[in-house]
N, C-alpha and C. Protein backbone atom coordinates (compact mmCIF):
# COMPACT_ATOMS: atom_id res chain seq x y z
N UNK A 1 -35.93 -38.55 24.49
CA UNK A 1 -34.61 -38.47 25.10
C UNK A 1 -34.64 -37.86 26.50
N UNK A 2 -35.59 -36.99 26.75
CA UNK A 2 -35.64 -36.30 28.05
C UNK A 2 -35.75 -37.28 29.19
N UNK A 3 -36.57 -38.32 29.00
CA UNK A 3 -36.75 -39.31 30.06
C UNK A 3 -35.44 -40.02 30.36
N UNK A 4 -34.70 -40.38 29.32
CA UNK A 4 -33.43 -41.08 29.52
C UNK A 4 -32.40 -40.19 30.21
N UNK A 5 -32.36 -38.93 29.79
CA UNK A 5 -31.43 -37.99 30.43
C UNK A 5 -31.77 -37.86 31.92
N UNK A 6 -33.03 -37.68 32.22
CA UNK A 6 -33.45 -37.50 33.62
C UNK A 6 -33.11 -38.74 34.44
N UNK A 7 -33.27 -39.92 33.87
CA UNK A 7 -32.93 -41.16 34.59
C UNK A 7 -31.42 -41.31 34.77
N UNK A 8 -30.68 -41.11 33.69
CA UNK A 8 -29.23 -41.35 33.72
C UNK A 8 -28.49 -40.32 34.57
N UNK A 9 -28.96 -39.08 34.58
CA UNK A 9 -28.23 -38.01 35.26
C UNK A 9 -28.14 -38.25 36.77
N UNK A 10 -29.03 -39.04 37.30
CA UNK A 10 -28.97 -39.31 38.73
C UNK A 10 -27.80 -40.21 39.13
N UNK A 11 -27.28 -40.98 38.20
CA UNK A 11 -26.13 -41.83 38.51
C UNK A 11 -24.86 -41.02 38.79
N UNK A 12 -24.44 -40.09 37.90
CA UNK A 12 -23.25 -39.32 38.25
C UNK A 12 -23.47 -38.45 39.49
N UNK A 13 -24.67 -37.90 39.64
CA UNK A 13 -24.93 -37.07 40.82
C UNK A 13 -24.75 -37.91 42.08
N UNK A 14 -25.32 -39.10 42.10
CA UNK A 14 -25.21 -39.97 43.28
C UNK A 14 -23.76 -40.38 43.52
N UNK A 15 -23.04 -40.74 42.47
CA UNK A 15 -21.65 -41.16 42.64
C UNK A 15 -20.76 -40.02 43.12
N UNK A 16 -20.91 -38.84 42.51
CA UNK A 16 -20.08 -37.70 42.90
C UNK A 16 -20.40 -37.24 44.33
N UNK A 17 -21.66 -37.21 44.68
CA UNK A 17 -22.00 -36.75 46.03
C UNK A 17 -21.64 -37.79 47.09
N UNK A 18 -21.67 -39.06 46.74
CA UNK A 18 -21.18 -40.09 47.66
C UNK A 18 -19.68 -39.92 47.87
N UNK A 19 -18.95 -39.67 46.78
CA UNK A 19 -17.52 -39.40 46.90
C UNK A 19 -17.28 -38.19 47.78
N UNK A 20 -18.10 -37.15 47.61
CA UNK A 20 -17.97 -35.96 48.45
C UNK A 20 -18.19 -36.29 49.92
N UNK A 21 -19.19 -37.11 50.21
CA UNK A 21 -19.43 -37.48 51.61
C UNK A 21 -18.25 -38.27 52.19
N UNK A 22 -17.65 -39.14 51.38
CA UNK A 22 -16.47 -39.87 51.83
C UNK A 22 -15.30 -38.92 52.09
N UNK A 23 -15.12 -37.93 51.20
CA UNK A 23 -14.06 -36.94 51.41
C UNK A 23 -14.35 -36.13 52.67
N UNK A 24 -15.58 -35.74 52.87
CA UNK A 24 -15.98 -35.01 54.07
C UNK A 24 -15.64 -35.82 55.32
N UNK A 25 -16.02 -37.09 55.31
CA UNK A 25 -15.76 -37.96 56.47
C UNK A 25 -14.27 -38.13 56.70
N UNK A 26 -13.51 -38.32 55.61
CA UNK A 26 -12.06 -38.52 55.74
C UNK A 26 -11.36 -37.25 56.20
N UNK A 27 -11.85 -36.09 55.80
CA UNK A 27 -11.24 -34.82 56.20
C UNK A 27 -11.28 -34.66 57.72
N UNK A 28 -12.37 -35.08 58.32
CA UNK A 28 -12.55 -34.87 59.76
C UNK A 28 -12.27 -36.11 60.60
N UNK A 29 -11.81 -37.19 59.98
CA UNK A 29 -11.55 -38.42 60.74
C UNK A 29 -10.35 -39.16 60.19
N UNK A 30 -9.59 -39.75 61.09
CA UNK A 30 -8.48 -40.62 60.71
C UNK A 30 -8.78 -42.06 61.07
N UNK A 31 -10.04 -42.37 61.30
CA UNK A 31 -10.43 -43.72 61.70
C UNK A 31 -10.14 -44.71 60.57
N UNK A 32 -10.14 -45.99 60.93
CA UNK A 32 -9.90 -47.03 59.94
C UNK A 32 -10.97 -47.01 58.85
N UNK A 33 -12.21 -46.78 59.24
CA UNK A 33 -13.30 -46.71 58.26
C UNK A 33 -13.09 -45.55 57.29
N UNK A 34 -12.70 -44.39 57.81
CA UNK A 34 -12.48 -43.23 56.95
C UNK A 34 -11.35 -43.49 55.95
N UNK A 35 -10.29 -44.15 56.40
CA UNK A 35 -9.16 -44.46 55.51
C UNK A 35 -9.60 -45.45 54.44
N UNK A 36 -10.44 -46.41 54.81
CA UNK A 36 -10.94 -47.36 53.81
C UNK A 36 -11.86 -46.69 52.80
N UNK A 37 -12.71 -45.80 53.28
CA UNK A 37 -13.62 -45.09 52.38
C UNK A 37 -12.84 -44.19 51.42
N UNK A 38 -11.72 -43.67 51.89
CA UNK A 38 -10.87 -42.82 51.04
C UNK A 38 -10.46 -43.57 49.78
N UNK A 39 -10.22 -44.86 49.89
CA UNK A 39 -9.80 -45.65 48.73
C UNK A 39 -10.91 -45.80 47.69
N UNK A 40 -12.16 -45.63 48.12
CA UNK A 40 -13.29 -45.76 47.20
C UNK A 40 -13.63 -44.45 46.50
N UNK A 41 -13.07 -43.34 46.97
CA UNK A 41 -13.43 -42.04 46.43
C UNK A 41 -13.12 -41.93 44.95
N UNK A 42 -11.93 -42.27 44.53
CA UNK A 42 -11.50 -42.01 43.17
C UNK A 42 -12.21 -42.90 42.16
N UNK A 43 -12.44 -44.19 42.45
CA UNK A 43 -13.27 -44.96 41.52
C UNK A 43 -14.69 -44.41 41.42
N UNK A 44 -15.25 -43.92 42.53
CA UNK A 44 -16.59 -43.33 42.49
C UNK A 44 -16.62 -42.11 41.58
N UNK A 45 -15.61 -41.25 41.72
CA UNK A 45 -15.57 -40.04 40.91
C UNK A 45 -15.41 -40.38 39.43
N UNK A 46 -14.53 -41.30 39.12
CA UNK A 46 -14.30 -41.63 37.71
C UNK A 46 -15.49 -42.37 37.10
N UNK A 47 -16.16 -43.24 37.86
CA UNK A 47 -17.39 -43.86 37.36
C UNK A 47 -18.47 -42.80 37.16
N UNK A 48 -18.52 -41.84 38.08
CA UNK A 48 -19.46 -40.74 37.94
C UNK A 48 -19.19 -39.93 36.69
N UNK A 49 -17.92 -39.76 36.36
CA UNK A 49 -17.57 -39.02 35.15
C UNK A 49 -17.98 -39.77 33.89
N UNK A 50 -17.84 -41.09 33.90
CA UNK A 50 -18.31 -41.87 32.75
C UNK A 50 -19.82 -41.76 32.60
N UNK A 51 -20.54 -41.92 33.70
CA UNK A 51 -22.00 -41.78 33.67
C UNK A 51 -22.38 -40.35 33.31
N UNK A 52 -21.59 -39.38 33.78
CA UNK A 52 -21.85 -37.98 33.47
C UNK A 52 -21.70 -37.70 31.98
N UNK A 53 -20.73 -38.34 31.34
CA UNK A 53 -20.54 -38.14 29.89
C UNK A 53 -21.75 -38.68 29.12
N UNK A 54 -22.28 -39.81 29.56
CA UNK A 54 -23.47 -40.37 28.92
C UNK A 54 -24.66 -39.44 29.14
N UNK A 55 -24.84 -38.97 30.38
CA UNK A 55 -25.95 -38.06 30.69
C UNK A 55 -25.83 -36.76 29.91
N UNK A 56 -24.61 -36.26 29.78
CA UNK A 56 -24.36 -35.02 29.03
C UNK A 56 -24.76 -35.20 27.57
N UNK A 57 -24.33 -36.31 26.97
CA UNK A 57 -24.66 -36.57 25.57
C UNK A 57 -26.17 -36.70 25.38
N UNK A 58 -26.83 -37.40 26.29
CA UNK A 58 -28.29 -37.53 26.20
C UNK A 58 -28.97 -36.18 26.38
N UNK A 59 -28.44 -35.36 27.27
CA UNK A 59 -29.01 -34.05 27.50
C UNK A 59 -28.93 -33.16 26.28
N UNK A 60 -27.87 -33.29 25.51
CA UNK A 60 -27.72 -32.47 24.30
C UNK A 60 -28.68 -32.91 23.19
N UNK A 61 -29.29 -34.10 23.34
CA UNK A 61 -30.23 -34.59 22.33
C UNK A 61 -31.69 -34.26 22.64
N UNK A 62 -31.94 -33.62 23.78
CA UNK A 62 -33.33 -33.36 24.17
C UNK A 62 -33.96 -32.29 23.29
N UNK A 63 -33.32 -31.14 23.20
CA UNK A 63 -33.84 -30.02 22.42
C UNK A 63 -32.91 -29.73 21.26
N UNK A 64 -33.44 -29.15 20.19
CA UNK A 64 -32.54 -28.68 19.13
C UNK A 64 -31.59 -27.61 19.72
N UNK A 65 -30.36 -27.60 19.24
CA UNK A 65 -29.35 -26.68 19.77
C UNK A 65 -29.82 -25.23 19.71
N UNK A 66 -30.47 -24.86 18.61
CA UNK A 66 -30.93 -23.48 18.47
C UNK A 66 -32.00 -23.13 19.50
N UNK A 67 -32.79 -24.10 19.91
CA UNK A 67 -33.84 -23.84 20.89
C UNK A 67 -33.26 -23.71 22.30
N UNK A 68 -32.40 -24.64 22.69
CA UNK A 68 -31.89 -24.63 24.08
C UNK A 68 -30.96 -23.44 24.30
N UNK A 69 -30.22 -23.04 23.28
CA UNK A 69 -29.29 -21.92 23.47
C UNK A 69 -29.97 -20.57 23.33
N UNK A 70 -31.22 -20.54 22.93
CA UNK A 70 -31.94 -19.26 22.88
C UNK A 70 -32.50 -18.89 24.24
N UNK A 71 -32.47 -19.80 25.18
CA UNK A 71 -32.97 -19.56 26.53
C UNK A 71 -31.80 -19.34 27.48
N UNK A 72 -31.82 -18.27 28.28
CA UNK A 72 -30.76 -18.09 29.27
C UNK A 72 -30.67 -19.27 30.23
N UNK A 73 -31.80 -19.81 30.62
CA UNK A 73 -31.80 -20.97 31.52
C UNK A 73 -31.15 -22.17 30.85
N UNK A 74 -31.46 -22.39 29.58
CA UNK A 74 -30.84 -23.50 28.85
C UNK A 74 -29.34 -23.33 28.71
N UNK A 75 -28.91 -22.10 28.38
CA UNK A 75 -27.46 -21.83 28.27
C UNK A 75 -26.78 -22.02 29.61
N UNK A 76 -27.40 -21.52 30.67
CA UNK A 76 -26.81 -21.69 32.01
C UNK A 76 -26.68 -23.16 32.36
N UNK A 77 -27.70 -23.95 32.04
CA UNK A 77 -27.65 -25.38 32.37
C UNK A 77 -26.54 -26.08 31.58
N UNK A 78 -26.42 -25.77 30.30
CA UNK A 78 -25.36 -26.37 29.49
C UNK A 78 -23.99 -25.96 30.01
N UNK A 79 -23.85 -24.67 30.33
CA UNK A 79 -22.57 -24.17 30.85
C UNK A 79 -22.19 -24.89 32.15
N UNK A 80 -23.13 -24.98 33.08
CA UNK A 80 -22.84 -25.61 34.36
C UNK A 80 -22.64 -27.12 34.22
N UNK A 81 -23.37 -27.74 33.30
CA UNK A 81 -23.17 -29.18 33.08
C UNK A 81 -21.77 -29.44 32.53
N UNK A 82 -21.32 -28.57 31.65
CA UNK A 82 -19.96 -28.69 31.11
C UNK A 82 -18.93 -28.52 32.21
N UNK A 83 -19.12 -27.50 33.05
CA UNK A 83 -18.19 -27.27 34.16
C UNK A 83 -18.21 -28.44 35.13
N UNK A 84 -19.38 -28.95 35.44
CA UNK A 84 -19.50 -30.04 36.40
C UNK A 84 -18.76 -31.28 35.91
N UNK A 85 -19.04 -31.68 34.68
CA UNK A 85 -18.39 -32.87 34.13
C UNK A 85 -16.88 -32.67 34.07
N UNK A 86 -16.44 -31.51 33.61
CA UNK A 86 -15.00 -31.24 33.53
C UNK A 86 -14.36 -31.22 34.91
N UNK A 87 -15.00 -30.54 35.85
CA UNK A 87 -14.46 -30.39 37.20
C UNK A 87 -14.27 -31.74 37.87
N UNK A 88 -15.32 -32.56 37.85
CA UNK A 88 -15.23 -33.85 38.54
C UNK A 88 -14.28 -34.81 37.83
N UNK A 89 -14.19 -34.71 36.52
CA UNK A 89 -13.24 -35.56 35.80
C UNK A 89 -11.81 -35.20 36.19
N UNK A 90 -11.51 -33.92 36.22
CA UNK A 90 -10.17 -33.48 36.64
C UNK A 90 -9.92 -33.87 38.10
N UNK A 91 -10.92 -33.68 38.96
CA UNK A 91 -10.77 -34.10 40.37
C UNK A 91 -10.45 -35.59 40.46
N UNK A 92 -11.13 -36.39 39.65
CA UNK A 92 -10.89 -37.84 39.69
C UNK A 92 -9.51 -38.22 39.22
N UNK A 93 -9.07 -37.64 38.12
CA UNK A 93 -7.75 -37.96 37.57
C UNK A 93 -6.65 -37.49 38.52
N UNK A 94 -6.71 -36.23 38.94
CA UNK A 94 -5.68 -35.71 39.84
C UNK A 94 -5.75 -36.39 41.21
N UNK A 95 -6.97 -36.64 41.68
CA UNK A 95 -7.13 -37.32 42.96
C UNK A 95 -6.54 -38.71 42.94
N UNK A 96 -6.75 -39.43 41.85
CA UNK A 96 -6.17 -40.76 41.73
C UNK A 96 -4.66 -40.68 41.66
N UNK A 97 -4.18 -39.74 40.87
CA UNK A 97 -2.72 -39.60 40.69
C UNK A 97 -2.00 -39.25 41.98
N UNK A 98 -2.59 -38.38 42.80
CA UNK A 98 -1.94 -37.91 44.02
C UNK A 98 -2.64 -38.39 45.28
N UNK A 99 -3.34 -39.52 45.19
CA UNK A 99 -4.19 -39.99 46.29
C UNK A 99 -3.45 -40.19 47.61
N UNK A 100 -2.19 -40.50 47.59
CA UNK A 100 -1.45 -40.72 48.83
C UNK A 100 -1.21 -39.44 49.61
N UNK A 101 -1.30 -38.29 48.94
CA UNK A 101 -0.96 -37.02 49.57
C UNK A 101 -2.17 -36.15 49.91
N UNK A 102 -3.36 -36.56 49.49
CA UNK A 102 -4.52 -35.67 49.56
C UNK A 102 -5.06 -35.43 50.96
N UNK A 103 -4.73 -36.28 51.89
CA UNK A 103 -5.24 -36.10 53.25
C UNK A 103 -4.10 -35.98 54.26
N UNK A 104 -2.97 -35.47 53.78
CA UNK A 104 -1.81 -35.26 54.62
C UNK A 104 -1.69 -33.76 54.91
N UNK A 105 -1.65 -33.40 56.16
CA UNK A 105 -1.44 -32.01 56.56
C UNK A 105 -2.52 -31.08 56.03
N UNK A 106 -2.06 -29.92 55.57
CA UNK A 106 -2.99 -28.90 55.08
C UNK A 106 -3.67 -29.32 53.78
N UNK A 107 -3.09 -30.28 53.07
CA UNK A 107 -3.68 -30.72 51.80
C UNK A 107 -5.09 -31.30 52.01
N UNK A 108 -5.37 -31.83 53.19
CA UNK A 108 -6.72 -32.37 53.45
C UNK A 108 -7.77 -31.27 53.34
N UNK A 109 -7.41 -30.05 53.76
CA UNK A 109 -8.37 -28.95 53.69
C UNK A 109 -8.55 -28.46 52.26
N UNK A 110 -7.49 -28.49 51.49
CA UNK A 110 -7.60 -28.11 50.08
C UNK A 110 -8.46 -29.14 49.35
N UNK A 111 -8.24 -30.42 49.63
CA UNK A 111 -9.07 -31.47 49.04
C UNK A 111 -10.53 -31.28 49.41
N UNK A 112 -10.78 -30.98 50.68
CA UNK A 112 -12.15 -30.76 51.15
C UNK A 112 -12.79 -29.55 50.46
N UNK A 113 -12.06 -28.46 50.33
CA UNK A 113 -12.60 -27.25 49.70
C UNK A 113 -12.90 -27.52 48.22
N UNK A 114 -11.99 -28.18 47.52
CA UNK A 114 -12.22 -28.48 46.11
C UNK A 114 -13.41 -29.41 45.92
N UNK A 115 -13.54 -30.40 46.79
CA UNK A 115 -14.69 -31.31 46.72
C UNK A 115 -15.98 -30.57 47.04
N UNK A 116 -15.92 -29.63 47.97
CA UNK A 116 -17.11 -28.83 48.30
C UNK A 116 -17.56 -27.98 47.12
N UNK A 117 -16.60 -27.42 46.40
CA UNK A 117 -16.93 -26.65 45.20
C UNK A 117 -17.60 -27.58 44.18
N UNK A 118 -17.05 -28.77 44.02
CA UNK A 118 -17.66 -29.74 43.10
C UNK A 118 -19.08 -30.10 43.48
N UNK A 119 -19.33 -30.28 44.78
CA UNK A 119 -20.68 -30.60 45.24
C UNK A 119 -21.63 -29.43 44.98
N UNK A 120 -21.14 -28.22 45.17
CA UNK A 120 -21.96 -27.04 44.91
C UNK A 120 -22.31 -26.92 43.44
N UNK A 121 -21.35 -27.17 42.56
CA UNK A 121 -21.59 -27.07 41.12
C UNK A 121 -22.59 -28.14 40.67
N UNK A 122 -22.48 -29.34 41.22
CA UNK A 122 -23.46 -30.40 40.91
C UNK A 122 -24.86 -29.96 41.34
N UNK A 123 -24.95 -29.38 42.52
CA UNK A 123 -26.24 -28.94 43.04
C UNK A 123 -26.86 -27.87 42.15
N UNK A 124 -26.06 -26.90 41.75
CA UNK A 124 -26.58 -25.83 40.90
C UNK A 124 -26.98 -26.37 39.52
N UNK A 125 -26.17 -27.26 38.96
CA UNK A 125 -26.49 -27.84 37.66
C UNK A 125 -27.82 -28.59 37.72
N UNK A 126 -28.00 -29.40 38.74
CA UNK A 126 -29.25 -30.13 38.90
C UNK A 126 -30.44 -29.21 39.10
N UNK A 127 -30.22 -28.14 39.83
CA UNK A 127 -31.29 -27.16 40.05
C UNK A 127 -31.70 -26.50 38.74
N UNK A 128 -30.73 -26.15 37.91
CA UNK A 128 -31.05 -25.56 36.62
C UNK A 128 -31.80 -26.55 35.73
N UNK A 129 -31.40 -27.81 35.79
CA UNK A 129 -32.12 -28.83 35.03
C UNK A 129 -33.55 -28.98 35.52
N UNK A 130 -33.73 -28.95 36.82
CA UNK A 130 -35.08 -29.01 37.38
C UNK A 130 -35.90 -27.80 36.96
N UNK A 131 -35.28 -26.65 36.93
CA UNK A 131 -35.98 -25.44 36.50
C UNK A 131 -36.40 -25.54 35.03
N UNK A 132 -35.57 -26.19 34.22
CA UNK A 132 -35.92 -26.39 32.80
C UNK A 132 -37.17 -27.25 32.66
N UNK A 133 -37.37 -28.18 33.58
CA UNK A 133 -38.55 -29.05 33.52
C UNK A 133 -39.74 -28.46 34.25
N UNK A 134 -39.57 -27.26 34.79
CA UNK A 134 -40.68 -26.60 35.47
C UNK A 134 -40.78 -26.89 36.95
N UNK A 135 -39.71 -27.42 37.53
CA UNK A 135 -39.71 -27.71 38.96
C UNK A 135 -38.53 -27.02 39.65
N UNK A 136 -38.59 -25.70 39.78
CA UNK A 136 -37.49 -24.99 40.45
C UNK A 136 -37.45 -25.35 41.94
N UNK A 137 -36.30 -25.16 42.52
CA UNK A 137 -36.12 -25.50 43.94
C UNK A 137 -35.72 -24.25 44.72
N UNK A 138 -35.49 -24.45 45.99
CA UNK A 138 -35.03 -23.35 46.83
C UNK A 138 -33.63 -22.87 46.43
N UNK A 139 -32.85 -23.74 45.81
CA UNK A 139 -31.52 -23.33 45.35
C UNK A 139 -31.66 -22.26 44.26
N UNK A 140 -32.65 -22.40 43.39
CA UNK A 140 -32.89 -21.38 42.36
C UNK A 140 -33.15 -20.03 43.01
N UNK A 141 -33.96 -20.03 44.06
CA UNK A 141 -34.26 -18.77 44.76
C UNK A 141 -33.03 -18.25 45.49
N UNK A 142 -32.20 -19.15 46.01
CA UNK A 142 -30.97 -18.73 46.69
C UNK A 142 -29.99 -18.08 45.71
N UNK A 143 -29.91 -18.63 44.50
CA UNK A 143 -29.04 -18.03 43.48
C UNK A 143 -29.52 -16.62 43.14
N UNK A 144 -30.83 -16.44 43.12
CA UNK A 144 -31.39 -15.11 42.85
C UNK A 144 -30.99 -14.13 43.95
N UNK A 145 -30.90 -14.59 45.18
CA UNK A 145 -30.53 -13.72 46.30
C UNK A 145 -29.09 -13.21 46.18
N UNK A 146 -28.20 -13.99 45.54
CA UNK A 146 -26.82 -13.54 45.39
C UNK A 146 -26.58 -12.86 44.04
N UNK A 147 -27.67 -12.60 43.30
CA UNK A 147 -27.54 -11.81 42.08
C UNK A 147 -27.56 -12.59 40.79
N UNK A 148 -27.89 -13.88 40.83
CA UNK A 148 -27.91 -14.66 39.61
C UNK A 148 -29.34 -15.13 39.35
N UNK A 149 -30.05 -14.40 38.52
CA UNK A 149 -31.39 -14.81 38.11
C UNK A 149 -31.22 -15.76 36.94
N UNK A 150 -31.39 -17.04 37.19
CA UNK A 150 -31.09 -18.05 36.17
C UNK A 150 -32.01 -17.98 34.96
N UNK A 151 -33.15 -17.32 35.10
CA UNK A 151 -34.09 -17.21 33.98
C UNK A 151 -33.77 -16.04 33.06
N UNK A 152 -32.98 -15.10 33.53
CA UNK A 152 -32.78 -13.88 32.78
C UNK A 152 -31.33 -13.61 32.38
N UNK A 153 -30.37 -14.19 33.04
CA UNK A 153 -28.99 -13.81 32.79
C UNK A 153 -28.16 -14.98 32.28
N UNK A 154 -27.16 -14.64 31.53
CA UNK A 154 -26.18 -15.62 31.08
C UNK A 154 -24.82 -14.94 31.18
N UNK A 155 -24.33 -14.88 32.36
CA UNK A 155 -23.05 -14.25 32.60
C UNK A 155 -22.58 -14.66 33.98
N UNK A 156 -21.35 -14.32 34.27
CA UNK A 156 -20.84 -14.47 35.62
C UNK A 156 -20.89 -13.11 36.28
N UNK A 157 -21.47 -13.01 37.47
CA UNK A 157 -21.43 -11.73 38.17
C UNK A 157 -19.98 -11.31 38.38
N UNK A 158 -19.74 -10.02 38.45
CA UNK A 158 -18.38 -9.49 38.58
C UNK A 158 -17.67 -10.05 39.80
N UNK A 159 -18.39 -10.23 40.91
CA UNK A 159 -17.75 -10.76 42.11
C UNK A 159 -17.26 -12.19 41.87
N UNK A 160 -17.95 -12.94 41.02
CA UNK A 160 -17.53 -14.31 40.74
C UNK A 160 -16.26 -14.33 39.89
N UNK A 161 -16.15 -13.40 38.96
CA UNK A 161 -14.94 -13.31 38.15
C UNK A 161 -13.75 -12.99 39.05
N UNK A 162 -13.92 -12.05 39.99
CA UNK A 162 -12.85 -11.73 40.94
C UNK A 162 -12.52 -12.93 41.83
N UNK A 163 -13.54 -13.68 42.23
CA UNK A 163 -13.32 -14.87 43.05
C UNK A 163 -12.51 -15.91 42.28
N UNK A 164 -12.86 -16.13 41.01
CA UNK A 164 -12.10 -17.06 40.17
C UNK A 164 -10.65 -16.60 40.02
N UNK A 165 -10.46 -15.32 39.75
CA UNK A 165 -9.13 -14.78 39.59
C UNK A 165 -8.32 -14.95 40.88
N UNK A 166 -8.94 -14.59 42.01
CA UNK A 166 -8.26 -14.75 43.30
C UNK A 166 -7.92 -16.20 43.60
N UNK A 167 -8.84 -17.09 43.29
CA UNK A 167 -8.59 -18.52 43.49
C UNK A 167 -7.46 -19.03 42.62
N UNK A 168 -7.42 -18.58 41.38
CA UNK A 168 -6.34 -19.00 40.48
C UNK A 168 -4.99 -18.52 40.98
N UNK A 169 -4.93 -17.27 41.42
CA UNK A 169 -3.68 -16.73 41.97
C UNK A 169 -3.27 -17.51 43.22
N UNK A 170 -4.23 -17.77 44.10
CA UNK A 170 -3.95 -18.52 45.32
C UNK A 170 -3.43 -19.92 45.01
N UNK A 171 -4.04 -20.61 44.05
CA UNK A 171 -3.57 -21.95 43.69
C UNK A 171 -2.16 -21.92 43.11
N UNK A 172 -1.85 -20.93 42.29
CA UNK A 172 -0.50 -20.82 41.74
C UNK A 172 0.51 -20.57 42.86
N UNK A 173 0.17 -19.68 43.79
CA UNK A 173 1.07 -19.38 44.92
C UNK A 173 1.27 -20.61 45.81
N UNK A 174 0.18 -21.34 46.08
CA UNK A 174 0.29 -22.56 46.89
C UNK A 174 1.15 -23.60 46.19
N UNK A 175 0.96 -23.75 44.87
CA UNK A 175 1.78 -24.68 44.12
C UNK A 175 3.24 -24.29 44.13
N UNK A 176 3.52 -23.03 43.97
CA UNK A 176 4.90 -22.54 44.00
C UNK A 176 5.52 -22.77 45.37
N UNK A 177 4.77 -22.45 46.42
CA UNK A 177 5.29 -22.65 47.79
C UNK A 177 5.53 -24.12 48.08
N UNK A 178 4.62 -24.98 47.62
CA UNK A 178 4.79 -26.42 47.83
C UNK A 178 5.99 -26.97 47.08
N UNK A 179 6.17 -26.48 45.87
CA UNK A 179 7.31 -26.93 45.07
C UNK A 179 8.62 -26.48 45.70
N UNK A 180 8.63 -25.25 46.22
CA UNK A 180 9.84 -24.70 46.83
C UNK A 180 10.19 -25.46 48.11
N UNK A 181 9.16 -25.84 48.88
CA UNK A 181 9.42 -26.54 50.15
C UNK A 181 9.94 -27.95 49.93
N UNK A 182 9.66 -28.55 48.79
CA UNK A 182 10.13 -29.91 48.50
C UNK A 182 11.54 -29.90 47.89
N UNK A 183 11.98 -28.72 47.51
CA UNK A 183 13.36 -28.61 47.01
C UNK A 183 13.43 -28.55 45.59
């Protein structure tokens, strides 16, 4: 199963990161090409989510559950894979639903920031998977520099919990302000 997971997982990664590049291009450009690429973003994300669900299922079949969850690295990879699949699926559904508004005014920057978070989570998930196969990358070492030793810990650093809390409060306030401005 490991070979199939490794092969299949590259499809959602490629689709999601291509969508991210299109969002990046559209954020900084109003050209005709950027507007056309914007229309391809949501199908790319949703196809990536379908491929991601297949890769996730295959990944869960590689090791026995008791073996993979006894390793901090294995738990971290499963946790991040779950977050990645969930995050991009929600991005795809909400992005499709509100696609006409995502690059209007300040919303373009929110779209860009959310897509950047998604790209970062994909990168970290892939790095953890590579570390599981014995091929760590520079991202693994970078995570260690900010206090997350992926081989030894299974937790969120305190600063990350505060960041999540602050982000949640900010999103609620932005939603409230947007709702109030529309009447």
